[in-house]
């Protein structure tokens, strides 16, 4: 895979500070990186964005796996 597909979803930590969840693909895997040492608190809209980013990452992995 030439370029790494990457998505970001805004969230907050338990103290209410703005953070990001990062989703990227690595070979045939989807990797979710949470804020370091923190829990990610997501609102309903952010959960929808996370779901969409994960779906896009899975599609990217599937397409990369089917390329010659």
Protein backbone atom coordinates (compact mmCIF):
# COMPACT_ATOMS: atom_id res chain seq x y z
CA UNK A 1 0.00 0.00 0.00
CA UNK A 2 1.55 3.27 -1.09
CA UNK A 3 -0.17 5.77 1.23
CA UNK A 4 -1.56 5.16 4.67
CA UNK A 5 -5.27 5.76 5.00
CA UNK A 6 -6.02 7.70 8.18
CA UNK A 7 -9.14 9.10 9.84
CA UNK A 8 -9.62 11.19 12.97
CA UNK A 9 -12.66 11.43 15.27
CA UNK A 10 -12.95 14.19 17.85
CA UNK A 11 -13.67 13.22 21.44
CA UNK A 12 -13.04 14.43 24.97
CA UNK A 13 -11.17 12.82 27.83
CA UNK A 14 -12.73 12.28 31.24
CA UNK A 15 -11.61 15.78 32.31
CA UNK A 16 -13.44 17.29 29.32
CA UNK A 17 -10.35 18.23 27.29
CA UNK A 18 -10.54 17.93 23.50
CA UNK A 19 -8.79 14.85 22.14
CA UNK A 20 -8.85 12.73 18.98
CA UNK A 21 -9.23 9.06 18.21
CA UNK A 22 -7.14 8.10 15.20
CA UNK A 23 -8.00 5.21 12.91
CA UNK A 24 -5.59 3.96 10.27
CA UNK A 25 -4.85 0.86 8.29
CA UNK A 26 -1.70 -1.19 8.52
CA UNK A 27 -1.38 -4.04 6.03
CA UNK A 28 -4.58 -6.06 6.51
CA UNK A 29 -5.51 -4.54 9.90
CA UNK A 30 -7.47 -1.58 11.22
CA UNK A 31 -5.68 0.27 14.04
CA UNK A 32 -7.51 2.47 16.57
CA UNK A 33 -5.30 4.86 18.56
CA UNK A 34 -6.90 6.39 21.63
CA UNK A 35 -5.64 9.44 23.51
CA UNK A 36 -2.55 8.36 25.48
CA UNK A 37 -3.43 7.24 29.00
CA UNK A 38 -6.99 8.48 28.66
CA UNK A 39 -10.50 7.22 28.08
CA UNK A 40 -12.31 8.64 25.05
CA UNK A 41 -15.74 10.12 25.77
CA UNK A 42 -17.93 10.26 22.65
CA UNK A 43 -21.25 11.94 22.09
CA UNK A 44 -23.88 10.36 19.82
CA UNK A 45 -22.70 12.25 16.72
CA UNK A 46 -19.07 11.32 17.43
CA UNK A 47 -20.04 7.65 17.75
CA UNK A 48 -21.55 7.89 14.28
CA UNK A 49 -18.32 9.43 12.98
CA UNK A 50 -16.29 6.65 14.61
CA UNK A 51 -18.53 4.04 13.03
CA UNK A 52 -18.12 5.68 9.59
CA UNK A 53 -14.33 5.95 9.98
CA UNK A 54 -14.07 2.29 11.00
CA UNK A 55 -16.25 1.27 8.05
CA UNK A 56 -14.06 3.29 5.66
CA UNK A 57 -10.92 1.71 7.13
CA UNK A 58 -12.31 -1.81 6.68
CA UNK A 59 -13.20 -1.02 3.06
CA UNK A 60 -9.67 0.33 2.47
CA UNK A 61 -8.14 -2.85 3.91
CA UNK A 62 -10.40 -5.04 1.78
CA UNK A 63 -9.55 -3.08 -1.38
CA UNK A 64 -5.80 -3.20 -0.63
CA UNK A 65 -6.04 -6.95 -0.14
CA UNK A 66 -7.73 -7.44 -3.50
CA UNK A 67 -5.14 -5.45 -5.49
CA UNK A 68 -2.66 -7.48 -7.58
